[in-house]
Amino acid sequence: MRILWAGMAALTLLGMVGCRSAYVEADVKNTSGAPVSLVEVDYPSASFGVESLAAGATYHYRFKILGEGATKIVWTDATRKEHSVAGPRLQEGQQGTLTVTIAGGSAVWEPVLK
């Protein structure tokens, strides 16, 4: 009986070690040459952001996609002008990396997701 319980416990632990949640490693880079503020990235069912991002700085965030839908980045430049750039559609279960580079009044999205 003890061998049976030990075997079941070992199988349970092996199963738990193999399970991983799908997540996205995101970076928001500011290459605009000036600080930006009120940076917000919207993705399906949530958003993340940072109050300010210095010129040349990168903000890192990790998230899980729940549901599916569009992405968007919104930020305010040094002249207090708000910018908004649509990004790719994301689907639940995708994982990988997502880089958004703010360059002046525009943004470049680089998704590497599977």
PDB file of N, CA and C in Angstrom:
ATOM      1  N   MET A   1       0.827  -1.190   0.000  1.00  0.00           N
ATOM      2  CA  MET A   1       0.000   0.000   0.000  1.00  0.00           C
ATOM      3  C   MET A   1       0.880   1.266   0.000  1.00  0.00           C
ATOM      4  N   ARG A   2       1.951   1.222   0.777  1.00  0.00           N
ATOM      5  CA  ARG A   2       2.842   2.378   0.819  1.00  0.00           C
ATOM      6  C   ARG A   2       3.471   2.641  -0.540  1.00  0.00           C
ATOM      7  N   ILE A   3       3.814   1.590  -1.244  1.00  0.00           N
ATOM      8  CA  ILE A   3       4.423   1.749  -2.564  1.00  0.00           C
ATOM      9  C   ILE A   3       3.427   2.403  -3.522  1.00  0.00           C
ATOM     10  N   LEU A   4       2.169   2.022  -3.428  1.00  0.00           N
ATOM     11  CA  LEU A   4       1.132   2.612  -4.266  1.00  0.00           C
ATOM     12  C   LEU A   4       1.002   4.108  -3.992  1.00  0.00           C
ATOM     13  N   TRP A   5       0.941   4.493  -2.726  1.00  0.00           N
ATOM     14  CA  TRP A   5       0.827   5.909  -2.358  1.00  0.00           C
ATOM     15  C   TRP A   5       2.061   6.688  -2.789  1.00  0.00           C
ATOM     16  N   ALA A   6       3.234   6.112  -2.614  1.00  0.00           N
ATOM     17  CA  ALA A   6       4.474   6.785  -3.014  1.00  0.00           C
ATOM     18  C   ALA A   6       4.491   6.984  -4.527  1.00  0.00           C
ATOM     19  N   GLY A   7       4.053   5.974  -5.274  1.00  0.00           N
ATOM     20  CA  GLY A   7       4.003   6.087  -6.723  1.00  0.00           C
ATOM     21  C   GLY A   7       3.031   7.156  -7.182  1.00  0.00           C
ATOM     22  N   MET A   8       1.871   7.226  -6.539  1.00  0.00           N
ATOM     23  CA  MET A   8       0.873   8.246  -6.890  1.00  0.00           C
ATOM     24  C   MET A   8       1.405   9.650  -6.574  1.00  0.00           C
ATOM     25  N   ALA A   9       2.068   9.781  -5.426  1.00  0.00           N
ATOM     26  CA  ALA A   9       2.637  11.080  -5.052  1.00  0.00           C
ATOM     27  C   ALA A   9       3.706  11.510  -6.051  1.00  0.00           C
ATOM     28  N   ALA A  10       4.545  10.569  -6.472  1.00  0.00           N
ATOM     29  CA  ALA A  10       5.598  10.892  -7.436  1.00  0.00           C
ATOM     30  C   ALA A  10       5.004  11.324  -8.771  1.00  0.00           C
ATOM     31  N   LEU A  11       3.971  10.644  -9.234  1.00  0.00           N
ATOM     32  CA  LEU A  11       3.319  11.021 -10.493  1.00  0.00           C
ATOM     33  C   LEU A  11       2.682  12.404 -10.399  1.00  0.00           C
ATOM     34  N   THR A  12       2.084  12.701  -9.267  1.00  0.00           N
ATOM     35  CA  THR A  12       1.480  14.016  -9.061  1.00  0.00           C
ATOM     36  C   THR A  12       2.537  15.103  -9.114  1.00  0.00           C
ATOM     37  N   LEU A  13       3.654  14.895  -8.445  1.00  0.00           N
ATOM     38  CA  LEU A  13       4.729  15.891  -8.456  1.00  0.00           C
ATOM     39  C   LEU A  13       5.311  16.070  -9.856  1.00  0.00           C
ATOM     40  N   LEU A  14       5.505  14.997 -10.580  1.00  0.00           N
ATOM     41  CA  LEU A  14       6.014  15.097 -11.947  1.00  0.00           C
ATOM     42  C   LEU A  14       5.042  15.869 -12.831  1.00  0.00           C
ATOM     43  N   GLY A  15       3.775  15.643 -12.654  1.00  0.00           N
ATOM     44  CA  GLY A  15       2.769  16.370 -13.424  1.00  0.00           C
ATOM     45  C   GLY A  15       2.786  17.853 -13.126  1.00  0.00           C
ATOM     46  N   MET A  16       2.991  18.209 -11.875  1.00  0.00           N
ATOM     47  CA  MET A  16       3.015  19.621 -11.492  1.00  0.00           C
ATOM     48  C   MET A  16       4.253  20.320 -12.030  1.00  0.00           C
ATOM     49  N   VAL A  17       5.379  19.643 -12.069  1.00  0.00           N
ATOM     50  CA  VAL A  17       6.611  20.241 -12.565  1.00  0.00           C
ATOM     51  C   VAL A  17       6.488  20.545 -14.056  1.00  0.00           C
ATOM     52  N   GLY A  18       5.801  19.710 -14.798  1.00  0.00           N
ATOM     53  CA  GLY A  18       5.661  19.902 -16.240  1.00  0.00           C
ATOM     54  C   GLY A  18       4.654  20.962 -16.634  1.00  0.00           C
ATOM     55  N   CYS A  19       3.798  21.421 -15.737  1.00  0.00           N
ATOM     56  CA  CYS A  19       2.758  22.402 -16.054  1.00  0.00           C
ATOM     57  C   CYS A  19       3.321  23.812 -15.951  1.00  0.00           C
ATOM     58  N   ARG A  20       3.097  24.601 -16.996  1.00  0.00           N
ATOM     59  CA  ARG A  20       3.493  26.001 -16.973  1.00  0.00           C
ATOM     60  C   ARG A  20       2.397  26.825 -17.622  1.00  0.00           C
ATOM     61  N   SER A  21       2.178  27.983 -17.088  1.00  0.00           N
ATOM     62  CA  SER A  21       1.198  28.887 -17.659  1.00  0.00           C
ATOM     63  C   SER A  21       1.802  29.615 -18.852  1.00  0.00           C
ATOM     64  N   ALA A  22       0.986  29.849 -19.866  1.00  0.00           N
ATOM     65  CA  ALA A  22       1.427  30.643 -21.015  1.00  0.00           C
ATOM     66  C   ALA A  22       1.460  32.110 -20.588  1.00  0.00           C
ATOM     67  N   TYR A  23       2.556  32.795 -20.885  1.00  0.00           N
ATOM     68  CA  TYR A  23       2.671  34.205 -20.541  1.00  0.00           C
ATOM     69  C   TYR A  23       3.420  34.933 -21.638  1.00  0.00           C
ATOM     70  N   VAL A  24       3.345  36.253 -21.602  1.00  0.00           N
ATOM     71  CA  VAL A  24       4.021  37.111 -22.570  1.00  0.00           C
ATOM     72  C   VAL A  24       4.985  38.010 -21.809  1.00  0.00           C
ATOM     73  N   GLU A  25       6.236  38.027 -22.255  1.00  0.00           N
ATOM     74  CA  GLU A  25       7.239  38.951 -21.720  1.00  0.00           C
ATOM     75  C   GLU A  25       7.185  40.198 -22.599  1.00  0.00           C
ATOM     76  N   ALA A  26       6.777  41.327 -22.036  1.00  0.00           N
ATOM     77  CA  ALA A  26       6.611  42.555 -22.815  1.00  0.00           C
ATOM     78  C   ALA A  26       7.649  43.595 -22.433  1.00  0.00           C
ATOM     79  N   ASP A  27       8.149  44.309 -23.425  1.00  0.00           N
ATOM     80  CA  ASP A  27       9.055  45.435 -23.218  1.00  0.00           C
ATOM     81  C   ASP A  27       8.508  46.641 -23.954  1.00  0.00           C
ATOM     82  N   VAL A  28       8.482  47.779 -23.271  1.00  0.00           N
ATOM     83  CA  VAL A  28       8.135  49.051 -23.897  1.00  0.00           C
ATOM     84  C   VAL A  28       9.417  49.873 -23.890  1.00  0.00           C
ATOM     85  N   LYS A  29       9.904  50.225 -25.090  1.00  0.00           N
ATOM     86  CA  LYS A  29      11.157  50.967 -25.230  1.00  0.00           C
ATOM     87  C   LYS A  29      10.865  52.386 -25.701  1.00  0.00           C
ATOM     88  N   ASN A  30      11.573  53.335 -25.128  1.00  0.00           N
ATOM     89  CA  ASN A  30      11.419  54.725 -25.545  1.00  0.00           C
ATOM     90  C   ASN A  30      12.671  55.158 -26.312  1.00  0.00           C
ATOM     91  N   THR A  31      12.561  55.213 -27.630  1.00  0.00           N
ATOM     92  CA  THR A  31      13.674  55.679 -28.463  1.00  0.00           C
ATOM     93  C   THR A  31      13.381  57.046 -29.069  1.00  0.00           C
ATOM     94  N   SER A  32      12.440  57.769 -28.471  1.00  0.00           N
ATOM     95  CA  SER A  32      12.006  59.053 -29.035  1.00  0.00           C
ATOM     96  C   SER A  32      13.015  60.179 -28.820  1.00  0.00           C
ATOM     97  N   GLY A  33      13.977  59.994 -27.932  1.00  0.00           N
ATOM     98  CA  GLY A  33      14.944  61.051 -27.654  1.00  0.00           C
ATOM     99  C   GLY A  33      14.510  62.005 -26.559  1.00  0.00           C
ATOM    100  N   ALA A  34      13.314  61.805 -26.024  1.00  0.00           N
ATOM    101  CA  ALA A  34      12.794  62.646 -24.939  1.00  0.00           C
ATOM    102  C   ALA A  34      11.967  61.767 -24.003  1.00  0.00           C
ATOM    103  N   PRO A  35      11.799  62.187 -22.758  1.00  0.00           N
ATOM    104  CA  PRO A  35      10.970  61.378 -21.856  1.00  0.00           C
ATOM    105  C   PRO A  35       9.511  61.383 -22.300  1.00  0.00           C
ATOM    106  N   VAL A  36       8.805  60.302 -21.988  1.00  0.00           N
ATOM    107  CA  VAL A  36       7.364  60.216 -22.237  1.00  0.00           C
ATOM    108  C   VAL A  36       6.690  59.891 -20.910  1.00  0.00           C
ATOM    109  N   SER A  37       5.398  60.156 -20.844  1.00  0.00           N
ATOM    110  CA  SER A  37       4.680  59.907 -19.590  1.00  0.00           C
ATOM    111  C   SER A  37       3.335  59.238 -19.861  1.00  0.00           C
ATOM    112  N   LEU A  38       2.730  58.768 -18.788  1.00  0.00           N
ATOM    113  CA  LEU A  38       1.418  58.129 -18.833  1.00  0.00           C
ATOM    114  C   LEU A  38       1.348  57.060 -19.925  1.00  0.00           C
ATOM    115  N   VAL A  39       2.312  56.157 -19.911  1.00  0.00           N
ATOM    116  CA  VAL A  39       2.391  55.086 -20.900  1.00  0.00           C
ATOM    117  C   VAL A  39       1.465  53.953 -20.464  1.00  0.00           C
ATOM    118  N   GLU A  40       0.555  53.559 -21.349  1.00  0.00           N
ATOM    119  CA  GLU A  40      -0.386  52.476 -21.048  1.00  0.00           C
ATOM    120  C   GLU A  40      -0.498  51.536 -22.242  1.00  0.00           C
ATOM    121  N   VAL A  41      -0.378  50.237 -21.974  1.00  0.00           N
ATOM    122  CA  VAL A  41      -0.553  49.217 -23.003  1.00  0.00           C
ATOM    123  C   VAL A  41      -1.817  48.443 -22.657  1.00  0.00           C
ATOM    124  N   ASP A  42      -2.781  48.469 -23.560  1.00  0.00           N
ATOM    125  CA  ASP A  42      -4.025  47.724 -23.378  1.00  0.00           C
ATOM    126  C   ASP A  42      -3.926  46.412 -24.142  1.00  0.00           C
ATOM    127  N   TYR A  43      -4.376  45.336 -23.521  1.00  0.00           N
ATOM    128  CA  TYR A  43      -4.419  44.028 -24.163  1.00  0.00           C
ATOM    129  C   TYR A  43      -5.695  43.342 -23.700  1.00  0.00           C
ATOM    130  N   PRO A  44      -6.089  42.221 -24.303  1.00  0.00           N
ATOM    131  CA  PRO A  44      -7.379  41.610 -23.951  1.00  0.00           C
ATOM    132  C   PRO A  44      -7.543  41.407 -22.442  1.00  0.00           C
ATOM    133  N   SER A  45      -8.564  41.975 -21.900  1.00  0.00           N
ATOM    134  CA  SER A  45      -9.026  41.862 -20.516  1.00  0.00           C
ATOM    135  C   SER A  45      -8.211  42.637 -19.492  1.00  0.00           C
ATOM    136  N   ALA A  46      -7.173  43.391 -19.885  1.00  0.00           N
ATOM    137  CA  ALA A  46      -6.401  44.135 -18.890  1.00  0.00           C
ATOM    138  C   ALA A  46      -5.495  45.164 -19.555  1.00  0.00           C
ATOM    139  N   SER A  47      -4.674  45.809 -18.733  1.00  0.00           N
ATOM    140  CA  SER A  47      -3.688  46.768 -19.235  1.00  0.00           C
ATOM    141  C   SER A  47      -2.555  46.877 -18.219  1.00  0.00           C
ATOM    142  N   PHE A  48      -1.453  47.463 -18.659  1.00  0.00           N
ATOM    143  CA  PHE A  48      -0.346  47.769 -17.756  1.00  0.00           C
ATOM    144  C   PHE A  48       0.276  49.068 -18.219  1.00  0.00           C
ATOM    145  N   GLY A  49       1.080  49.665 -17.379  1.00  0.00           N
ATOM    146  CA  GLY A  49       1.706  50.914 -17.772  1.00  0.00           C
ATOM    147  C   GLY A  49       2.688  51.416 -16.754  1.00  0.00           C
ATOM    148  N   VAL A  50       3.197  52.588 -17.061  1.00  0.00           N
ATOM    149  CA  VAL A  50       4.188  53.228 -16.206  1.00  0.00           C
ATOM    150  C   VAL A  50       3.954  54.736 -16.288  1.00  0.00           C
ATOM    151  N   GLU A  51       4.182  55.423 -15.174  1.00  0.00           N
ATOM    152  CA  GLU A  51       3.917  56.859 -15.117  1.00  0.00           C
ATOM    153  C   GLU A  51       4.834  57.647 -16.049  1.00  0.00           C
ATOM    154  N   SER A  52       6.118  57.288 -16.087  1.00  0.00           N
ATOM    155  CA  SER A  52       7.045  57.975 -16.988  1.00  0.00           C
ATOM    156  C   SER A  52       8.126  57.006 -17.450  1.00  0.00           C
ATOM    157  N   LEU A  53       8.678  57.302 -18.620  1.00  0.00           N
ATOM    158  CA  LEU A  53       9.719  56.467 -19.202  1.00  0.00           C
ATOM    159  C   LEU A  53      10.752  57.412 -19.819  1.00  0.00           C
ATOM    160  N   ALA A  54      11.948  57.403 -19.260  1.00  0.00           N
ATOM    161  CA  ALA A  54      13.016  58.291 -19.721  1.00  0.00           C
ATOM    162  C   ALA A  54      13.440  57.939 -21.144  1.00  0.00           C
ATOM    163  N   ALA A  55      14.064  58.884 -21.805  1.00  0.00           N
ATOM    164  CA  ALA A  55      14.599  58.642 -23.147  1.00  0.00           C
ATOM    165  C   ALA A  55      15.625  57.515 -23.064  1.00  0.00           C
ATOM    166  N   GLY A  56      15.489  56.534 -23.948  1.00  0.00           N
ATOM    167  CA  GLY A  56      16.406  55.406 -23.971  1.00  0.00           C
ATOM    168  C   GLY A  56      16.091  54.294 -22.983  1.00  0.00           C
ATOM    169  N   ALA A  57      15.060  54.468 -22.162  1.00  0.00           N
ATOM    170  CA  ALA A  57      14.720  53.482 -21.134  1.00  0.00           C
ATOM    171  C   ALA A  57      13.773  52.415 -21.681  1.00  0.00           C
ATOM    172  N   THR A  58      13.736  51.283 -20.956  1.00  0.00           N
ATOM    173  CA  THR A  58      12.848  50.176 -21.284  1.00  0.00           C
ATOM    174  C   THR A  58      12.065  49.790 -20.039  1.00  0.00           C
ATOM    175  N   TYR A  59      10.765  49.573 -20.205  1.00  0.00           N
ATOM    176  CA  TYR A  59       9.905  49.102 -19.118  1.00  0.00           C
ATOM    177  C   TYR A  59       9.520  47.662 -19.429  1.00  0.00           C
ATOM    178  N   HIS A  60       9.739  46.765 -18.481  1.00  0.00           N
ATOM    179  CA  HIS A  60       9.452  45.347 -18.674  1.00  0.00           C
ATOM    180  C   HIS A  60       8.223  44.949 -17.866  1.00  0.00           C
ATOM    181  N   TYR A  61       7.394  44.092 -18.452  1.00  0.00           N
ATOM    182  CA  TYR A  61       6.186  43.614 -17.781  1.00  0.00           C
ATOM    183  C   TYR A  61       5.872  42.211 -18.296  1.00  0.00           C
ATOM    184  N   ARG A  62       5.345  41.378 -17.444  1.00  0.00           N
ATOM    185  CA  ARG A  62       4.974  40.006 -17.819  1.00  0.00           C
ATOM    186  C   ARG A  62       3.473  39.847 -17.574  1.00  0.00           C
ATOM    187  N   PHE A  63       2.750  39.287 -18.564  1.00  0.00           N
ATOM    188  CA  PHE A  63       1.311  39.129 -18.394  1.00  0.00           C
ATOM    189  C   PHE A  63       0.816  37.862 -19.075  1.00  0.00           C
ATOM    190  N   LYS A  64      -0.386  37.472 -18.702  1.00  0.00           N
ATOM    191  CA  LYS A  64      -1.064  36.321 -19.275  1.00  0.00           C
ATOM    192  C   LYS A  64      -2.269  36.837 -20.050  1.00  0.00           C
ATOM    193  N   ILE A  65      -2.471  36.302 -21.235  1.00  0.00           N
ATOM    194  CA  ILE A  65      -3.592  36.733 -22.070  1.00  0.00           C
ATOM    195  C   ILE A  65      -4.828  35.919 -21.690  1.00  0.00           C
ATOM    196  N   LEU A  66      -5.889  36.621 -21.322  1.00  0.00           N
ATOM    197  CA  LEU A  66      -7.181  35.995 -21.040  1.00  0.00           C
ATOM    198  C   LEU A  66      -8.168  36.537 -22.065  1.00  0.00           C
ATOM    199  N   GLY A  67      -8.734  35.671 -22.847  1.00  0.00           N
ATOM    200  CA  GLY A  67      -9.646  36.106 -23.903  1.00  0.00           C
ATOM    201  C   GLY A  67      -8.864  36.429 -25.165  1.00  0.00           C
ATOM    202  N   GLU A  68      -9.491  37.186 -26.049  1.00  0.00           N
ATOM    203  CA  GLU A  68      -8.803  37.598 -27.269  1.00  0.00           C
ATOM    204  C   GLU A  68      -9.258  38.990 -27.649  1.00  0.00           C
ATOM    205  N   GLY A  69      -8.385  39.709 -28.344  1.00  0.00           N
ATOM    206  CA  GLY A  69      -8.733  41.055 -28.755  1.00  0.00           C
ATOM    207  C   GLY A  69      -7.522  41.857 -29.177  1.00  0.00           C
ATOM    208  N   ALA A  70      -7.772  43.129 -29.416  1.00  0.00           N
ATOM    209  CA  ALA A  70      -6.747  44.039 -29.930  1.00  0.00           C
ATOM    210  C   ALA A  70      -5.859  44.575 -28.813  1.00  0.00           C
ATOM    211  N   THR A  71      -4.708  45.084 -29.235  1.00  0.00           N
ATOM    212  CA  THR A  71      -3.807  45.781 -28.320  1.00  0.00           C
ATOM    213  C   THR A  71      -3.696  47.236 -28.757  1.00  0.00           C
ATOM    214  N   LYS A  72      -3.226  48.058 -27.836  1.00  0.00           N
ATOM    215  CA  LYS A  72      -3.060  49.481 -28.135  1.00  0.00           C
ATOM    216  C   LYS A  72      -2.077  50.059 -27.125  1.00  0.00           C
ATOM    217  N   ILE A  73      -1.251  50.998 -27.562  1.00  0.00           N
ATOM    218  CA  ILE A  73      -0.399  51.741 -26.645  1.00  0.00           C
ATOM    219  C   ILE A  73      -0.793  53.210 -26.712  1.00  0.00           C
ATOM    220  N   VAL A  74      -0.833  53.836 -25.550  1.00  0.00           N
ATOM    221  CA  VAL A  74      -1.157  55.264 -25.434  1.00  0.00           C
ATOM    222  C   VAL A  74      -0.066  55.892 -24.580  1.00  0.00           C
ATOM    223  N   TRP A  75       0.437  57.058 -24.985  1.00  0.00           N
ATOM    224  CA  TRP A  75       1.427  57.769 -24.183  1.00  0.00           C
ATOM    225  C   TRP A  75       1.338  59.259 -24.464  1.00  0.00           C
ATOM    226  N   THR A  76       1.950  60.034 -23.578  1.00  0.00           N
ATOM    227  CA  THR A  76       2.007  61.483 -23.716  1.00  0.00           C
ATOM    228  C   THR A  76       3.461  61.875 -23.932  1.00  0.00           C
ATOM    229  N   ASP A  77       3.730  62.669 -24.986  1.00  0.00           N
ATOM    230  CA  ASP A  77       5.111  63.056 -25.278  1.00  0.00           C
ATOM    231  C   ASP A  77       5.528  64.263 -24.428  1.00  0.00           C
ATOM    232  N   ALA A  78       6.749  64.717 -24.637  1.00  0.00           N
ATOM    233  CA  ALA A  78       7.308  65.814 -23.835  1.00  0.00           C
ATOM    234  C   ALA A  78       6.573  67.132 -24.050  1.00  0.00           C
ATOM    235  N   THR A  79       5.846  67.288 -25.180  1.00  0.00           N
ATOM    236  CA  THR A  79       5.080  68.515 -25.432  1.00  0.00           C
ATOM    237  C   THR A  79       3.646  68.384 -24.920  1.00  0.00           C
ATOM    238  N   ARG A  80       3.347  67.311 -24.200  1.00  0.00           N
ATOM    239  CA  ARG A  80       2.034  67.005 -23.614  1.00  0.00           C
ATOM    240  C   ARG A  80       0.990  66.590 -24.648  1.00  0.00           C
ATOM    241  N   LYS A  81       1.436  66.116 -25.808  1.00  0.00           N
ATOM    242  CA  LYS A  81       0.526  65.620 -26.830  1.00  0.00           C
ATOM    243  C   LYS A  81       0.339  64.119 -26.620  1.00  0.00           C
ATOM    244  N   GLU A  82      -0.930  63.673 -26.624  1.00  0.00           N
ATOM    245  CA  GLU A  82      -1.215  62.254 -26.447  1.00  0.00           C
ATOM    246  C   GLU A  82      -1.166  61.528 -27.783  1.00  0.00           C
ATOM    247  N   HIS A  83      -0.587  60.330 -27.763  1.00  0.00           N
ATOM    248  CA  HIS A  83      -0.479  59.490 -28.954  1.00  0.00           C
ATOM    249  C   HIS A  83      -1.105  58.140 -28.655  1.00  0.00           C
ATOM    250  N   SER A  84      -1.653  57.511 -29.685  1.00  0.00           N
ATOM    251  CA  SER A  84      -2.255  56.184 -29.561  1.00  0.00           C
ATOM    252  C   SER A  84      -1.960  55.404 -30.841  1.00  0.00           C
ATOM    253  N   VAL A  85      -1.423  54.185 -30.671  1.00  0.00           N
ATOM    254  CA  VAL A  85      -1.098  53.350 -31.828  1.00  0.00           C
ATOM    255  C   VAL A  85      -1.640  51.948 -31.579  1.00  0.00           C
ATOM    256  N   ALA A  86      -2.441  51.470 -32.516  1.00  0.00           N
ATOM    257  CA  ALA A  86      -3.006  50.124 -32.407  1.00  0.00           C
ATOM    258  C   ALA A  86      -1.917  49.086 -32.661  1.00  0.00           C
ATOM    259  N   GLY A  87      -2.084  47.935 -32.011  1.00  0.00           N
ATOM    260  CA  GLY A  87      -1.127  46.842 -32.166  1.00  0.00           C
ATOM    261  C   GLY A  87      -1.805  45.578 -32.651  1.00  0.00           C
ATOM    262  N   PRO A  88      -1.146  44.460 -32.483  1.00  0.00           N
ATOM    263  CA  PRO A  88      -1.678  43.190 -32.996  1.00  0.00           C
ATOM    264  C   PRO A  88      -2.828  42.658 -32.143  1.00  0.00           C
ATOM    265  N   ARG A  89      -3.599  41.759 -32.719  1.00  0.00           N
ATOM    266  CA  ARG A  89      -4.621  41.032 -31.967  1.00  0.00           C
ATOM    267  C   ARG A  89      -3.944  39.888 -31.236  1.00  0.00           C
ATOM    268  N   LEU A  90      -4.351  39.662 -30.002  1.00  0.00           N
ATOM    269  CA  LEU A  90      -3.797  38.578 -29.195  1.00  0.00           C
ATOM    270  C   LEU A  90      -4.894  37.572 -28.876  1.00  0.00           C
ATOM    271  N   GLN A  91      -4.486  36.312 -28.682  1.00  0.00           N
ATOM    272  CA  GLN A  91      -5.431  35.251 -28.352  1.00  0.00           C
ATOM    273  C   GLN A  91      -4.982  34.542 -27.084  1.00  0.00           C
ATOM    274  N   GLU A  92      -5.954  34.119 -26.310  1.00  0.00           N
ATOM    275  CA  GLU A  92      -5.671  33.377 -25.087  1.00  0.00           C
ATOM    276  C   GLU A  92      -4.804  32.164 -25.407  1.00  0.00           C
ATOM    277  N   GLY A  93      -3.826  31.927 -24.554  1.00  0.00           N
ATOM    278  CA  GLY A  93      -2.932  30.796 -24.723  1.00  0.00           C
ATOM    279  C   GLY A  93      -1.640  31.135 -25.449  1.00  0.00           C
ATOM    280  N   GLN A  94      -1.585  32.297 -26.118  1.00  0.00           N
ATOM    281  CA  GLN A  94      -0.343  32.670 -26.779  1.00  0.00           C
ATOM    282  C   GLN A  94       0.725  32.960 -25.738  1.00  0.00           C
ATOM    283  N   GLN A  95       1.981  32.726 -26.114  1.00  0.00           N
ATOM    284  CA  GLN A  95       3.100  33.053 -25.243  1.00  0.00           C
ATOM    285  C   GLN A  95       4.282  33.471 -26.094  1.00  0.00           C
ATOM    286  N   GLY A  96       5.232  34.166 -25.487  1.00  0.00           N
ATOM    287  CA  GLY A  96       6.411  34.625 -26.199  1.00  0.00           C
ATOM    288  C   GLY A  96       6.795  36.015 -25.741  1.00  0.00           C
ATOM    289  N   THR A  97       7.232  36.839 -26.707  1.00  0.00           N
ATOM    290  CA  THR A  97       7.655  38.197 -26.386  1.00  0.00           C
ATOM    291  C   THR A  97       6.872  39.208 -27.213  1.00  0.00           C
ATOM    292  N   LEU A  98       6.754  40.398 -26.661  1.00  0.00           N
ATOM    293  CA  LEU A  98       6.078  41.502 -27.340  1.00  0.00           C
ATOM    294  C   LEU A  98       6.864  42.764 -27.010  1.00  0.00           C
ATOM    295  N   THR A  99       7.442  43.380 -28.036  1.00  0.00           N
ATOM    296  CA  THR A  99       8.203  44.613 -27.848  1.00  0.00           C
ATOM    297  C   THR A  99       7.466  45.748 -28.546  1.00  0.00           C
ATOM    298  N   VAL A 100       7.306  46.856 -27.831  1.00  0.00           N
ATOM    299  CA  VAL A 100       6.698  48.057 -28.402  1.00  0.00           C
ATOM    300  C   VAL A 100       7.736  49.166 -28.275  1.00  0.00           C
ATOM    301  N   THR A 101       8.131  49.736 -29.397  1.00  0.00           N
ATOM    302  CA  THR A 101       9.143  50.786 -29.396  1.00  0.00           C
ATOM    303  C   THR A 101       8.497  52.110 -29.749  1.00  0.00           C
ATOM    304  N   ILE A 102       8.555  53.046 -28.803  1.00  0.00           N
ATOM    305  CA  ILE A 102       8.035  54.398 -29.030  1.00  0.00           C
ATOM    306  C   ILE A 102       9.134  55.183 -29.739  1.00  0.00           C
ATOM    307  N   ALA A 103       8.804  55.708 -30.908  1.00  0.00           N
ATOM    308  CA  ALA A 103       9.761  56.465 -31.717  1.00  0.00           C
ATOM    309  C   ALA A 103       9.080  57.738 -32.185  1.00  0.00           C
ATOM    310  N   GLY A 104       9.275  58.810 -31.455  1.00  0.00           N
ATOM    311  CA  GLY A 104       8.609  60.065 -31.794  1.00  0.00           C
ATOM    312  C   GLY A 104       7.113  59.949 -31.571  1.00  0.00           C
ATOM    313  N   GLY A 105       6.329  60.287 -32.582  1.00  0.00           N
ATOM    314  CA  GLY A 105       4.877  60.229 -32.470  1.00  0.00           C
ATOM    315  C   GLY A 105       4.284  58.912 -32.917  1.00  0.00           C
ATOM    316  N   SER A 106       5.128  57.900 -33.099  1.00  0.00           N
ATOM    317  CA  SER A 106       4.651  56.609 -33.559  1.00  0.00           C
ATOM    318  C   SER A 106       5.191  55.506 -32.645  1.00  0.00           C
ATOM    319  N   ALA A 107       4.724  54.291 -32.903  1.00  0.00           N
ATOM    320  CA  ALA A 107       5.197  53.136 -32.146  1.00  0.00           C
ATOM    321  C   ALA A 107       5.280  51.947 -33.075  1.00  0.00           C
ATOM    322  N   VAL A 108       6.281  51.108 -32.866  1.00  0.00           N
ATOM    323  CA  VAL A 108       6.482  49.912 -33.673  1.00  0.00           C
ATOM    324  C   VAL A 108       6.266  48.703 -32.779  1.00  0.00           C
ATOM    325  N   TRP A 109       5.395  47.804 -33.217  1.00  0.00           N
ATOM    326  CA  TRP A 109       5.084  46.573 -32.480  1.00  0.00           C
ATOM    327  C   TRP A 109       5.882  45.416 -33.067  1.00  0.00           C
ATOM    328  N   GLU A 110       6.508  44.628 -32.199  1.00  0.00           N
ATOM    329  CA  GLU A 110       7.265  43.458 -32.631  1.00  0.00           C
ATOM    330  C   GLU A 110       6.824  42.247 -31.809  1.00  0.00           C
ATOM    331  N   PRO A 111       5.740  41.580 -32.224  1.00  0.00           N
ATOM    332  CA  PRO A 111       5.301  40.378 -31.502  1.00  0.00           C
ATOM    333  C   PRO A 111       6.033  39.137 -31.999  1.00  0.00           C
ATOM    334  N   VAL A 112       6.479  38.319 -31.054  1.00  0.00           N
ATOM    335  CA  VAL A 112       7.036  37.011 -31.362  1.00  0.00           C
ATOM    336  C   VAL A 112       6.284  36.043 -30.460  1.00  0.00           C
ATOM    337  N   LEU A 113       5.112  35.616 -30.949  1.00  0.00           N
ATOM    338  CA  LEU A 113       4.184  34.832 -30.137  1.00  0.00           C
ATOM    339  C   LEU A 113       3.840  33.520 -30.831  1.00  0.00           C
ATOM    340  N   LYS A 114       3.594  32.491 -30.027  1.00  0.00           N
ATOM    341  CA  LYS A 114       3.127  31.227 -30.588  1.00  0.00           C
ATOM    342  C   LYS A 114       1.962  30.725 -29.778  1.00  0.00           C
TER     343      LYS A 114
END
